[in-house]
N, C-alpha and C. Protein backbone atom coordinates (compact mmCIF):
# COMPACT_ATOMS: atom_id res chain seq x y z
N MET A 1 48.18 14.08 10.37
CA MET A 1 47.16 14.73 11.16
C MET A 1 46.04 15.22 10.23
N ARG A 2 44.80 14.93 10.62
CA ARG A 2 43.64 15.35 9.83
C ARG A 2 43.37 16.82 10.04
N SER A 3 42.89 17.42 8.99
CA SER A 3 42.50 18.82 9.14
C SER A 3 41.09 18.88 9.72
N ARG A 4 40.81 19.96 10.35
CA ARG A 4 39.50 20.15 10.98
C ARG A 4 38.37 20.09 9.94
N GLY A 5 38.60 20.57 8.74
CA GLY A 5 37.59 20.57 7.68
C GLY A 5 37.15 19.18 7.29
N SER A 6 38.07 18.22 7.22
CA SER A 6 37.68 16.86 6.81
C SER A 6 36.84 16.19 7.87
N THR A 7 37.10 16.47 9.13
CA THR A 7 36.30 15.91 10.21
C THR A 7 34.89 16.48 10.16
N LEU A 8 34.77 17.77 9.93
CA LEU A 8 33.46 18.40 9.86
C LEU A 8 32.65 17.92 8.66
N SER A 9 33.33 17.61 7.56
CA SER A 9 32.60 17.15 6.38
C SER A 9 32.04 15.74 6.58
N LEU A 10 32.60 14.95 7.46
CA LEU A 10 32.09 13.62 7.76
C LEU A 10 30.93 13.64 8.75
N LEU A 11 30.80 14.72 9.48
CA LEU A 11 29.78 14.81 10.50
C LEU A 11 28.36 14.64 9.94
N PRO A 12 27.95 15.34 8.86
CA PRO A 12 26.59 15.13 8.34
C PRO A 12 26.34 13.70 7.89
N LEU A 13 27.34 13.10 7.25
CA LEU A 13 27.20 11.72 6.81
C LEU A 13 27.04 10.78 8.00
N THR A 14 27.81 10.98 9.03
CA THR A 14 27.74 10.15 10.23
C THR A 14 26.36 10.29 10.89
N VAL A 15 25.87 11.51 10.98
CA VAL A 15 24.56 11.74 11.57
C VAL A 15 23.48 11.05 10.73
N LEU A 16 23.57 11.17 9.42
CA LEU A 16 22.59 10.53 8.54
C LEU A 16 22.61 9.01 8.70
N VAL A 17 23.78 8.42 8.75
CA VAL A 17 23.90 6.97 8.92
C VAL A 17 23.32 6.54 10.26
N LEU A 18 23.61 7.28 11.33
CA LEU A 18 23.08 6.94 12.65
C LEU A 18 21.55 7.06 12.68
N LEU A 19 21.02 8.08 12.04
CA LEU A 19 19.56 8.23 11.97
C LEU A 19 18.92 7.08 11.19
N ALA A 20 19.53 6.71 10.08
CA ALA A 20 18.99 5.62 9.27
C ALA A 20 19.02 4.30 10.03
N VAL A 21 20.13 4.00 10.70
CA VAL A 21 20.24 2.76 11.47
C VAL A 21 19.22 2.76 12.60
N GLY A 22 19.08 3.91 13.28
CA GLY A 22 18.10 4.01 14.36
C GLY A 22 16.68 3.79 13.85
N PHE A 23 16.34 4.39 12.71
CA PHE A 23 15.01 4.24 12.13
C PHE A 23 14.73 2.79 11.78
N LEU A 24 15.70 2.14 11.17
CA LEU A 24 15.50 0.75 10.76
C LEU A 24 15.41 -0.19 11.94
N ALA A 25 16.02 0.18 13.07
CA ALA A 25 15.98 -0.66 14.26
C ALA A 25 14.69 -0.48 15.06
N LEU A 26 13.98 0.62 14.82
CA LEU A 26 12.73 0.88 15.54
C LEU A 26 11.66 -0.15 15.17
N PRO A 27 10.69 -0.31 16.06
CA PRO A 27 9.56 -1.17 15.70
C PRO A 27 8.85 -0.59 14.48
N ASN A 28 7.97 -1.38 13.90
CA ASN A 28 7.26 -0.94 12.69
C ASN A 28 6.46 0.32 12.94
N LEU A 29 6.46 1.19 11.94
CA LEU A 29 5.63 2.37 11.99
C LEU A 29 4.19 1.95 11.75
N ARG A 30 3.27 2.65 12.37
CA ARG A 30 1.86 2.35 12.16
C ARG A 30 1.12 3.64 11.86
N VAL A 31 0.19 3.54 10.96
CA VAL A 31 -0.71 4.64 10.66
C VAL A 31 -2.04 4.26 11.31
N PRO A 32 -2.64 5.19 12.06
CA PRO A 32 -3.92 4.84 12.69
C PRO A 32 -5.00 4.56 11.64
N ASN A 33 -5.77 3.52 11.89
CA ASN A 33 -6.89 3.19 11.00
C ASN A 33 -7.99 4.24 11.16
N THR A 34 -8.58 4.58 10.04
CA THR A 34 -9.72 5.49 10.09
C THR A 34 -10.87 4.81 10.81
N GLU A 35 -11.62 5.59 11.54
CA GLU A 35 -12.79 5.02 12.23
C GLU A 35 -13.95 4.83 11.28
N ARG A 36 -14.00 5.69 10.27
CA ARG A 36 -15.11 5.61 9.31
C ARG A 36 -14.53 5.69 7.90
N PRO A 37 -14.52 4.59 7.16
CA PRO A 37 -13.93 4.62 5.81
C PRO A 37 -14.77 5.47 4.86
N HIS A 38 -14.09 5.98 3.84
CA HIS A 38 -14.78 6.69 2.77
C HIS A 38 -15.62 5.69 1.98
N PRO A 39 -16.60 6.16 1.21
CA PRO A 39 -17.42 5.24 0.40
C PRO A 39 -16.62 4.46 -0.65
N THR A 40 -15.46 5.00 -1.05
CA THR A 40 -14.61 4.29 -2.01
C THR A 40 -13.37 3.74 -1.31
N VAL A 41 -13.17 2.45 -1.46
CA VAL A 41 -12.01 1.76 -0.89
C VAL A 41 -11.13 1.29 -2.04
N ILE A 42 -9.83 1.48 -1.89
CA ILE A 42 -8.87 0.92 -2.85
C ILE A 42 -8.06 -0.15 -2.13
N VAL A 43 -8.16 -1.38 -2.62
CA VAL A 43 -7.37 -2.49 -2.08
C VAL A 43 -6.09 -2.57 -2.90
N LEU A 44 -4.96 -2.36 -2.25
CA LEU A 44 -3.69 -2.42 -2.96
C LEU A 44 -3.30 -3.86 -3.20
N GLY A 45 -2.80 -4.11 -4.38
CA GLY A 45 -2.50 -5.47 -4.83
C GLY A 45 -1.43 -6.16 -4.00
N ALA A 46 -1.50 -7.46 -4.03
CA ALA A 46 -0.48 -8.36 -3.47
C ALA A 46 -0.52 -9.60 -4.36
N ALA A 47 0.34 -10.51 -4.13
CA ALA A 47 0.47 -11.65 -5.03
C ALA A 47 -0.81 -12.48 -5.13
N GLN A 48 -0.95 -13.09 -6.28
CA GLN A 48 -1.99 -14.10 -6.49
C GLN A 48 -1.30 -15.30 -7.12
N TYR A 49 -1.82 -16.47 -6.83
CA TYR A 49 -1.22 -17.71 -7.32
C TYR A 49 -2.26 -18.48 -8.13
N ALA A 50 -2.06 -18.53 -9.44
CA ALA A 50 -2.93 -19.29 -10.34
C ALA A 50 -4.41 -18.97 -10.13
N GLY A 51 -4.71 -17.68 -9.97
CA GLY A 51 -6.09 -17.26 -9.84
C GLY A 51 -6.62 -17.22 -8.43
N ARG A 52 -5.77 -17.50 -7.45
CA ARG A 52 -6.19 -17.46 -6.05
C ARG A 52 -5.34 -16.42 -5.31
N PRO A 53 -5.97 -15.61 -4.44
CA PRO A 53 -5.18 -14.61 -3.71
C PRO A 53 -4.19 -15.27 -2.76
N SER A 54 -3.00 -14.68 -2.67
CA SER A 54 -2.02 -15.12 -1.68
C SER A 54 -2.60 -14.86 -0.29
N PRO A 55 -2.04 -15.46 0.76
CA PRO A 55 -2.56 -15.18 2.11
C PRO A 55 -2.57 -13.68 2.44
N ALA A 56 -1.53 -12.94 2.07
CA ALA A 56 -1.49 -11.51 2.35
C ALA A 56 -2.60 -10.77 1.59
N PHE A 57 -2.79 -11.13 0.33
CA PHE A 57 -3.83 -10.50 -0.49
C PHE A 57 -5.21 -10.87 0.07
N GLN A 58 -5.39 -12.10 0.47
CA GLN A 58 -6.67 -12.54 1.02
C GLN A 58 -7.01 -11.77 2.29
N ARG A 59 -6.01 -11.49 3.15
CA ARG A 59 -6.26 -10.69 4.35
C ARG A 59 -6.74 -9.29 3.96
N ARG A 60 -6.13 -8.70 2.95
CA ARG A 60 -6.55 -7.37 2.49
C ARG A 60 -7.98 -7.42 1.94
N LEU A 61 -8.25 -8.42 1.13
CA LEU A 61 -9.59 -8.55 0.54
C LEU A 61 -10.65 -8.80 1.62
N ASN A 62 -10.34 -9.65 2.59
CA ASN A 62 -11.29 -9.90 3.69
C ASN A 62 -11.54 -8.64 4.50
N HIS A 63 -10.50 -7.83 4.68
CA HIS A 63 -10.65 -6.58 5.41
C HIS A 63 -11.57 -5.63 4.64
N ALA A 64 -11.36 -5.52 3.34
CA ALA A 64 -12.23 -4.68 2.51
C ALA A 64 -13.66 -5.20 2.55
N LEU A 65 -13.82 -6.51 2.51
CA LEU A 65 -15.15 -7.12 2.57
C LEU A 65 -15.83 -6.75 3.89
N ALA A 66 -15.10 -6.80 5.00
CA ALA A 66 -15.67 -6.44 6.31
C ALA A 66 -16.08 -4.96 6.32
N LEU A 67 -15.27 -4.09 5.73
CA LEU A 67 -15.63 -2.67 5.65
C LEU A 67 -16.91 -2.50 4.82
N TYR A 68 -16.99 -3.20 3.71
CA TYR A 68 -18.17 -3.13 2.83
C TYR A 68 -19.42 -3.60 3.59
N ARG A 69 -19.30 -4.72 4.26
CA ARG A 69 -20.44 -5.27 4.99
C ARG A 69 -20.83 -4.40 6.19
N GLY A 70 -19.84 -3.63 6.70
CA GLY A 70 -20.11 -2.74 7.83
C GLY A 70 -20.94 -1.53 7.46
N GLY A 71 -21.13 -1.28 6.19
CA GLY A 71 -21.96 -0.17 5.73
C GLY A 71 -21.13 1.07 5.44
N GLY A 72 -21.61 1.86 4.51
CA GLY A 72 -20.93 3.10 4.15
C GLY A 72 -20.00 2.98 2.96
N VAL A 73 -19.39 1.83 2.76
CA VAL A 73 -18.54 1.61 1.59
C VAL A 73 -19.44 1.16 0.44
N THR A 74 -19.35 1.88 -0.67
CA THR A 74 -20.23 1.58 -1.81
C THR A 74 -19.47 1.15 -3.05
N ARG A 75 -18.12 1.29 -3.00
CA ARG A 75 -17.32 0.91 -4.18
C ARG A 75 -15.96 0.41 -3.68
N ILE A 76 -15.52 -0.69 -4.29
CA ILE A 76 -14.20 -1.23 -3.98
C ILE A 76 -13.42 -1.35 -5.28
N VAL A 77 -12.25 -0.75 -5.30
CA VAL A 77 -11.34 -0.87 -6.44
C VAL A 77 -10.22 -1.79 -6.00
N VAL A 78 -10.04 -2.90 -6.72
CA VAL A 78 -8.95 -3.84 -6.41
C VAL A 78 -7.87 -3.63 -7.45
N THR A 79 -6.64 -3.44 -6.99
CA THR A 79 -5.55 -3.11 -7.90
C THR A 79 -4.53 -4.23 -8.03
N GLY A 80 -3.79 -4.19 -9.12
CA GLY A 80 -2.67 -5.09 -9.32
C GLY A 80 -2.69 -5.76 -10.68
N GLY A 81 -1.54 -5.74 -11.31
CA GLY A 81 -1.41 -6.31 -12.64
C GLY A 81 -1.01 -7.77 -12.60
N ARG A 82 -0.36 -8.18 -13.66
CA ARG A 82 0.04 -9.59 -13.79
C ARG A 82 1.52 -9.65 -14.12
N ARG A 83 2.12 -10.73 -13.77
CA ARG A 83 3.52 -10.99 -14.15
C ARG A 83 3.54 -11.51 -15.58
N PRO A 84 4.65 -11.33 -16.28
CA PRO A 84 4.73 -11.85 -17.66
C PRO A 84 4.37 -13.34 -17.71
N GLY A 85 3.49 -13.67 -18.63
CA GLY A 85 3.09 -15.07 -18.81
C GLY A 85 1.97 -15.52 -17.89
N ASP A 86 1.57 -14.71 -16.93
CA ASP A 86 0.52 -15.09 -16.00
C ASP A 86 -0.84 -14.73 -16.61
N PRO A 87 -1.76 -15.66 -16.65
CA PRO A 87 -3.07 -15.35 -17.23
C PRO A 87 -3.97 -14.51 -16.31
N PHE A 88 -3.60 -14.36 -15.05
CA PHE A 88 -4.45 -13.66 -14.09
C PHE A 88 -3.75 -12.40 -13.56
N SER A 89 -4.54 -11.34 -13.38
CA SER A 89 -4.01 -10.15 -12.71
C SER A 89 -4.52 -10.16 -11.27
N GLU A 90 -3.79 -9.45 -10.40
CA GLU A 90 -4.21 -9.34 -9.01
C GLU A 90 -5.58 -8.66 -8.92
N GLY A 91 -5.77 -7.60 -9.72
CA GLY A 91 -7.05 -6.89 -9.68
C GLY A 91 -8.22 -7.78 -10.04
N GLU A 92 -8.06 -8.57 -11.09
CA GLU A 92 -9.14 -9.45 -11.53
C GLU A 92 -9.40 -10.57 -10.51
N VAL A 93 -8.34 -11.11 -9.94
CA VAL A 93 -8.48 -12.16 -8.93
C VAL A 93 -9.19 -11.61 -7.70
N GLY A 94 -8.79 -10.41 -7.29
CA GLY A 94 -9.43 -9.79 -6.13
C GLY A 94 -10.90 -9.48 -6.38
N GLN A 95 -11.21 -9.00 -7.57
CA GLN A 95 -12.59 -8.71 -7.92
C GLN A 95 -13.43 -9.99 -7.88
N ALA A 96 -12.93 -11.07 -8.47
CA ALA A 96 -13.65 -12.34 -8.48
C ALA A 96 -13.85 -12.86 -7.05
N TYR A 97 -12.83 -12.72 -6.22
CA TYR A 97 -12.91 -13.17 -4.82
C TYR A 97 -14.03 -12.43 -4.09
N LEU A 98 -14.07 -11.10 -4.25
CA LEU A 98 -15.09 -10.32 -3.55
C LEU A 98 -16.49 -10.61 -4.09
N GLU A 99 -16.60 -10.83 -5.40
CA GLU A 99 -17.90 -11.21 -5.98
C GLU A 99 -18.37 -12.54 -5.40
N LYS A 100 -17.45 -13.49 -5.27
CA LYS A 100 -17.77 -14.80 -4.71
C LYS A 100 -18.35 -14.67 -3.29
N TYR A 101 -17.90 -13.65 -2.56
CA TYR A 101 -18.37 -13.46 -1.19
C TYR A 101 -19.47 -12.41 -1.07
N GLY A 102 -20.15 -12.11 -2.20
CA GLY A 102 -21.37 -11.35 -2.14
C GLY A 102 -21.31 -9.88 -2.50
N VAL A 103 -20.17 -9.35 -2.89
CA VAL A 103 -20.13 -7.95 -3.31
C VAL A 103 -20.61 -7.90 -4.76
N PRO A 104 -21.64 -7.12 -5.05
CA PRO A 104 -22.16 -7.06 -6.42
C PRO A 104 -21.10 -6.51 -7.39
N ALA A 105 -21.08 -7.04 -8.58
CA ALA A 105 -20.13 -6.60 -9.60
C ALA A 105 -20.24 -5.11 -9.85
N SER A 106 -21.43 -4.55 -9.68
CA SER A 106 -21.62 -3.12 -9.92
C SER A 106 -20.89 -2.24 -8.90
N ASP A 107 -20.49 -2.83 -7.78
CA ASP A 107 -19.77 -2.09 -6.74
C ASP A 107 -18.27 -2.34 -6.78
N LEU A 108 -17.81 -3.06 -7.81
CA LEU A 108 -16.40 -3.45 -7.90
C LEU A 108 -15.75 -2.92 -9.18
N LEU A 109 -14.51 -2.52 -9.05
CA LEU A 109 -13.67 -2.18 -10.20
C LEU A 109 -12.35 -2.92 -10.04
N ALA A 110 -11.81 -3.40 -11.15
CA ALA A 110 -10.51 -4.07 -11.13
C ALA A 110 -9.53 -3.26 -11.96
N GLU A 111 -8.47 -2.81 -11.33
CA GLU A 111 -7.36 -2.15 -12.03
C GLU A 111 -6.34 -3.25 -12.26
N ALA A 112 -6.00 -3.54 -13.50
CA ALA A 112 -5.22 -4.75 -13.81
C ALA A 112 -3.91 -4.48 -14.54
N ARG A 113 -3.39 -3.24 -14.50
CA ARG A 113 -2.14 -2.92 -15.22
C ARG A 113 -0.95 -2.69 -14.32
N SER A 114 -1.16 -2.33 -13.08
CA SER A 114 -0.08 -1.83 -12.22
C SER A 114 0.84 -2.94 -11.71
N ARG A 115 2.08 -2.53 -11.44
CA ARG A 115 3.07 -3.46 -10.87
C ARG A 115 3.69 -2.91 -9.59
N THR A 116 3.42 -1.66 -9.26
CA THR A 116 4.00 -1.04 -8.06
C THR A 116 2.87 -0.33 -7.30
N THR A 117 3.17 0.03 -6.07
CA THR A 117 2.19 0.77 -5.28
C THR A 117 1.84 2.09 -5.94
N LEU A 118 2.85 2.79 -6.45
CA LEU A 118 2.60 4.06 -7.11
C LEU A 118 1.68 3.87 -8.32
N GLU A 119 1.93 2.84 -9.11
CA GLU A 119 1.05 2.56 -10.25
C GLU A 119 -0.34 2.15 -9.78
N ASN A 120 -0.44 1.35 -8.71
CA ASN A 120 -1.76 0.99 -8.15
C ASN A 120 -2.58 2.25 -7.96
N LEU A 121 -1.98 3.24 -7.32
CA LEU A 121 -2.68 4.47 -6.98
C LEU A 121 -2.97 5.32 -8.22
N ARG A 122 -1.98 5.48 -9.07
CA ARG A 122 -2.17 6.30 -10.28
C ARG A 122 -3.27 5.74 -11.17
N PHE A 123 -3.21 4.46 -11.44
CA PHE A 123 -4.18 3.85 -12.34
C PHE A 123 -5.57 3.80 -11.72
N ALA A 124 -5.65 3.51 -10.42
CA ALA A 124 -6.95 3.48 -9.74
C ALA A 124 -7.58 4.87 -9.75
N ARG A 125 -6.76 5.89 -9.58
CA ARG A 125 -7.27 7.26 -9.57
C ARG A 125 -7.96 7.60 -10.90
N THR A 126 -7.43 7.08 -12.02
CA THR A 126 -8.03 7.38 -13.32
C THR A 126 -9.38 6.70 -13.51
N MET A 127 -9.70 5.72 -12.70
CA MET A 127 -10.96 4.99 -12.80
C MET A 127 -12.07 5.66 -12.00
N LEU A 128 -11.70 6.67 -11.21
CA LEU A 128 -12.65 7.30 -10.30
C LEU A 128 -12.94 8.74 -10.72
N PRO A 129 -14.09 9.27 -10.32
CA PRO A 129 -14.33 10.68 -10.57
C PRO A 129 -13.25 11.53 -9.89
N PRO A 130 -12.91 12.69 -10.45
CA PRO A 130 -11.88 13.53 -9.85
C PRO A 130 -12.20 13.86 -8.39
N ASN A 131 -11.15 13.89 -7.60
CA ASN A 131 -11.22 14.27 -6.17
C ASN A 131 -12.07 13.33 -5.32
N THR A 132 -12.17 12.07 -5.72
CA THR A 132 -12.89 11.09 -4.91
C THR A 132 -12.08 10.77 -3.66
N PRO A 133 -12.64 10.99 -2.47
CA PRO A 133 -11.91 10.58 -1.26
C PRO A 133 -11.86 9.06 -1.18
N ILE A 134 -10.74 8.54 -0.74
CA ILE A 134 -10.55 7.09 -0.72
C ILE A 134 -10.01 6.61 0.62
N THR A 135 -10.29 5.37 0.92
CA THR A 135 -9.67 4.67 2.04
C THR A 135 -8.83 3.56 1.45
N LEU A 136 -7.56 3.55 1.79
CA LEU A 136 -6.65 2.51 1.31
C LEU A 136 -6.74 1.29 2.21
N VAL A 137 -6.79 0.12 1.60
CA VAL A 137 -6.70 -1.13 2.34
C VAL A 137 -5.43 -1.82 1.90
N THR A 138 -4.55 -1.99 2.84
CA THR A 138 -3.29 -2.69 2.65
C THR A 138 -2.92 -3.26 4.00
N ASP A 139 -1.70 -3.76 4.18
CA ASP A 139 -1.34 -4.27 5.49
C ASP A 139 -0.64 -3.19 6.31
N GLU A 140 -0.50 -3.44 7.60
CA GLU A 140 0.04 -2.46 8.53
C GLU A 140 1.43 -1.97 8.16
N ALA A 141 2.28 -2.85 7.65
CA ALA A 141 3.65 -2.46 7.32
C ALA A 141 3.70 -1.57 6.07
N HIS A 142 2.81 -1.80 5.15
CA HIS A 142 2.78 -1.08 3.88
C HIS A 142 2.03 0.26 3.98
N ALA A 143 1.15 0.37 4.97
CA ALA A 143 0.25 1.52 5.08
C ALA A 143 0.96 2.88 5.14
N PRO A 144 2.03 3.07 5.93
CA PRO A 144 2.64 4.41 5.98
C PRO A 144 3.13 4.89 4.62
N ARG A 145 3.79 4.02 3.87
CA ARG A 145 4.30 4.41 2.55
C ARG A 145 3.17 4.61 1.55
N ALA A 146 2.19 3.71 1.57
CA ALA A 146 1.06 3.83 0.64
C ALA A 146 0.30 5.13 0.88
N LEU A 147 0.07 5.48 2.13
CA LEU A 147 -0.64 6.72 2.44
C LEU A 147 0.17 7.94 2.01
N ALA A 148 1.48 7.91 2.24
CA ALA A 148 2.34 9.02 1.82
C ALA A 148 2.30 9.20 0.31
N LEU A 149 2.34 8.10 -0.43
CA LEU A 149 2.29 8.18 -1.89
C LEU A 149 0.94 8.71 -2.37
N ALA A 150 -0.16 8.23 -1.77
CA ALA A 150 -1.49 8.69 -2.18
C ALA A 150 -1.61 10.20 -1.96
N ARG A 151 -1.14 10.66 -0.83
CA ARG A 151 -1.24 12.09 -0.55
C ARG A 151 -0.33 12.90 -1.46
N ALA A 152 0.82 12.35 -1.81
CA ALA A 152 1.72 13.04 -2.74
C ALA A 152 1.09 13.16 -4.12
N LEU A 153 0.22 12.22 -4.46
CA LEU A 153 -0.50 12.27 -5.73
C LEU A 153 -1.72 13.20 -5.66
N GLY A 154 -1.92 13.80 -4.51
CA GLY A 154 -3.03 14.73 -4.35
C GLY A 154 -4.35 14.07 -4.02
N MET A 155 -4.30 12.82 -3.59
CA MET A 155 -5.53 12.10 -3.26
C MET A 155 -5.93 12.41 -1.82
N GLU A 156 -7.22 12.59 -1.60
CA GLU A 156 -7.72 12.69 -0.23
C GLU A 156 -7.86 11.26 0.28
N ALA A 157 -6.94 10.85 1.14
CA ALA A 157 -6.86 9.44 1.50
C ALA A 157 -6.67 9.25 3.00
N ASP A 158 -7.20 8.13 3.47
CA ASP A 158 -6.89 7.63 4.79
C ASP A 158 -6.67 6.12 4.64
N VAL A 159 -6.47 5.43 5.75
CA VAL A 159 -6.10 4.01 5.70
C VAL A 159 -6.95 3.20 6.66
N SER A 160 -7.26 1.99 6.24
CA SER A 160 -7.78 0.97 7.13
C SER A 160 -6.96 -0.28 6.82
N ALA A 161 -5.97 -0.52 7.66
CA ALA A 161 -4.99 -1.58 7.39
C ALA A 161 -5.44 -2.92 7.93
N SER A 162 -5.16 -3.95 7.14
CA SER A 162 -5.40 -5.31 7.61
C SER A 162 -4.21 -5.71 8.48
N PRO A 163 -4.43 -6.59 9.43
CA PRO A 163 -3.32 -7.00 10.29
C PRO A 163 -2.30 -7.85 9.52
N LEU A 164 -1.08 -7.82 10.01
CA LEU A 164 -0.04 -8.67 9.45
C LEU A 164 -0.19 -10.08 9.99
N SER A 165 0.28 -11.05 9.25
CA SER A 165 0.26 -12.43 9.76
C SER A 165 1.32 -12.55 10.86
N GLY A 166 1.14 -13.53 11.70
CA GLY A 166 2.11 -13.76 12.77
C GLY A 166 3.49 -14.13 12.23
N GLY A 167 3.54 -14.69 11.05
CA GLY A 167 4.80 -15.13 10.49
C GLY A 167 5.35 -14.21 9.42
N VAL A 168 5.02 -12.91 9.48
CA VAL A 168 5.50 -11.98 8.46
C VAL A 168 7.03 -11.96 8.45
N SER A 169 7.60 -11.92 7.27
CA SER A 169 9.06 -11.99 7.17
C SER A 169 9.70 -10.66 7.55
N ARG A 170 10.82 -10.75 8.22
CA ARG A 170 11.56 -9.55 8.62
C ARG A 170 12.06 -8.81 7.39
N SER A 171 12.34 -9.54 6.32
CA SER A 171 12.82 -8.88 5.11
C SER A 171 11.74 -7.99 4.51
N TYR A 172 10.47 -8.41 4.58
CA TYR A 172 9.37 -7.58 4.09
C TYR A 172 9.26 -6.30 4.93
N LEU A 173 9.33 -6.44 6.24
CA LEU A 173 9.24 -5.28 7.13
C LEU A 173 10.39 -4.32 6.88
N LEU A 174 11.59 -4.85 6.70
CA LEU A 174 12.76 -4.02 6.42
C LEU A 174 12.62 -3.33 5.06
N ARG A 175 12.15 -4.07 4.08
CA ARG A 175 11.97 -3.49 2.73
C ARG A 175 11.00 -2.32 2.77
N GLU A 176 9.92 -2.43 3.52
CA GLU A 176 8.95 -1.34 3.62
C GLU A 176 9.56 -0.12 4.31
N LYS A 177 10.37 -0.35 5.34
CA LYS A 177 11.04 0.78 6.01
C LYS A 177 12.02 1.47 5.08
N VAL A 178 12.81 0.67 4.36
CA VAL A 178 13.80 1.25 3.43
C VAL A 178 13.07 2.01 2.32
N ALA A 179 11.98 1.46 1.81
CA ALA A 179 11.22 2.14 0.76
C ALA A 179 10.63 3.45 1.27
N LEU A 180 10.18 3.47 2.51
CA LEU A 180 9.64 4.70 3.09
C LEU A 180 10.74 5.75 3.24
N VAL A 181 11.92 5.33 3.68
CA VAL A 181 13.06 6.26 3.80
C VAL A 181 13.43 6.78 2.41
N ALA A 182 13.50 5.91 1.44
CA ALA A 182 13.85 6.33 0.07
C ALA A 182 12.83 7.33 -0.45
N TYR A 183 11.55 7.06 -0.21
CA TYR A 183 10.53 8.01 -0.65
C TYR A 183 10.71 9.35 0.05
N ALA A 184 10.98 9.32 1.37
CA ALA A 184 11.14 10.57 2.12
C ALA A 184 12.34 11.36 1.61
N LEU A 185 13.41 10.68 1.22
CA LEU A 185 14.60 11.38 0.75
C LEU A 185 14.51 11.81 -0.70
N ILE A 186 13.92 10.98 -1.54
CA ILE A 186 13.92 11.23 -2.97
C ILE A 186 12.59 11.78 -3.46
N GLY A 187 11.50 11.36 -2.84
CA GLY A 187 10.17 11.76 -3.31
C GLY A 187 9.77 10.90 -4.49
N ILE A 188 8.74 11.34 -5.19
CA ILE A 188 8.29 10.63 -6.39
C ILE A 188 8.22 11.61 -7.52
N ARG A 189 8.30 11.10 -8.71
CA ARG A 189 8.13 11.94 -9.92
C ARG A 189 6.69 11.80 -10.35
N LEU A 190 6.01 12.90 -10.37
CA LEU A 190 4.57 12.87 -10.68
C LEU A 190 4.33 13.02 -12.15
C-alpha cells in the first residue's frame, strides 16, 4: 500500500507533465504584428545556401524590404553567422540580398558572428546606439520566443513576423514551442 505522501509528491510532476503536453498540443502561439515598425529593424538569421538565402530567410528579408519600402524604417540589421567551412554568413548574404533590391548600403548593417537567436540579439544590440527601439523580423513560429529573449535583454522591442510557408515542418513548430517552454522555465543567462 502506498503512503499518502508519495502520492502527493507525484501530483506536481503530473500537473507539470499535463500542462506541457497540453501546451505542445495547442495551435501555434502568435505575437501580434506591430502596426508601425520602429525605424530600426533586426532581421533574425536563417539558413543560407552558397550565398543565397534559404526560402525561410528570403521570406524574412522580403518582409523587412516591404517594411522599409513602406516608410519609417531607416535601418535594417541582418543577423546570422556562418557554419564552419562556409565562406558566407547569413548576415552578409541578407545584406547583399537587400542591397540588390534597392536598400542603400548606408541603411544596412550585417551582424555575421551569431549562431543562435540569443546571439543574434546580443551582437546586433552592440551595433546600435544604446536603448534603440527595434522591430524584430522573423517568422510567426519564432516570434514569441525571439520577442521574449529581446525583452529579457532589456531591448525595447516589438515584432513584425513574416508568414510561414504552407509546407512548414511540424518538427520546426514543435522545436519552437519546446524552446519557448525551456526559456520560460530556465530563463537566460545575461
